[in-house]
Amino acid sequence: MYGATIGKIGILTFPATTNQACCACVEYNGIAPLYLFYFLLSHRDEFLKQGGGGAQLNISKEIIVETLLPIPPIAEQQRIVREIERWFAVIDKLETSAEDLKVSIQQTKSRILDLALSGKLVPQDPDDEPAIELLKRVNPDFKPCDSSHYPNLPKGWSLARMGDLSNIISGVSYAKTDIRPNGIRILRSGNIQDGKIVLFEDDIFIDNAYYKDINTVKVGDIILVASTGSSTLIGKTGYAYKSYQGTQIGAFLRIIRPKFLDIGLYLNMIFLSDYYREYIRALAKGTNINNVKNVHIEQFIIPIPPFKEQQRMVNAIVNIWKSLDSITAEL
């Protein structure tokens, strides 16, 4: 009847009394208790509209006493109650099924990435330039490496270290006294969510004297959470689908900047995969649970398909995920 819980309703299953902030409906005459309960539950919004008071709303007893309600025969009331509870059970089951479906969709996404990184998502084309040629153009001294995780790569693929294809850039350190109402926006671990970069109104800004072009977030960059107190956030990444003018990363983040832009989306798929998560979890078993060093990322071994196959792969994943996300949005 009063305060933050105004209009809430419950039905007693044991003897009790109430204080002055509650009102009890007792001594039912020709009304099934659960029928009255569900009627009051359905009428809560109407009670709230009629609530008075200032900072603390209240509902007077008179409003409830004068409320009209339809009274069917007692047997019909009981049938109504049974039907309500049947549909509530169906809804609860659907909600549980929806959560199960969301989990299944996420597992499907992981499986799609796993198939892609094994060369099983899109067909190979023997006319594609082998990946080794691309890697040698990026680094003339490139030497292929081995990984037990990918012992049998498709023809034309190669294994490389992340450092062969990208530069790892550390973030900017600053003092609290350098924080300003405006200036350079600083990304922190909270800005990395669900594989994306998210900006907030309460982001930190620092003096423009800290500006460095190399620290500015550019299209194709992958931002990695390299140091945090959270074991769930460590290693998470967000892809820069656009450039962020006047935005740099803080000291606890890293920029993974592809050595040529067109490979960025493929590298991003690597960082969304279970293969990468397992790599990070293996690091977390040691003393580095809250600190991913640059060398950990540079030495991360990844499969590299021919460039044209990378493009086919990324397009296929984007289209499949778009369909899966549309299902999630309907849940």
Foldseek 3Di string as FASTA:
>chain_A
DKFPCPLDDDDDPDDDDDDPQDDDDDDDDQADVLLVRVVSVVCSVVQVVVWDDDPMTGGDPVVVVPDDDDHDGRVVSVVVSVVVVVVVVVVVVVVVVLVVLVVVLLVVLQVLLVCLQQVNNDDDDPPFAAVVVVLCVLPVPDDFDDDPVHHDHDPSKTKDALLSFWDKAFFDEDDPVFWDQAFAFEDALVQFDPQAGHDDNPTTHGHNVRDDPVQFAAALKKKAQFADPDLVSHGGIHHRNGGDPSYGYHRRMMITHTSDRLCSLLVSSVSSYVLVVVLLVVVCVDPRSGGHDPVSRRGHMGMGHRSVSSVVSSVVSVVVVVVSVVVSVVD
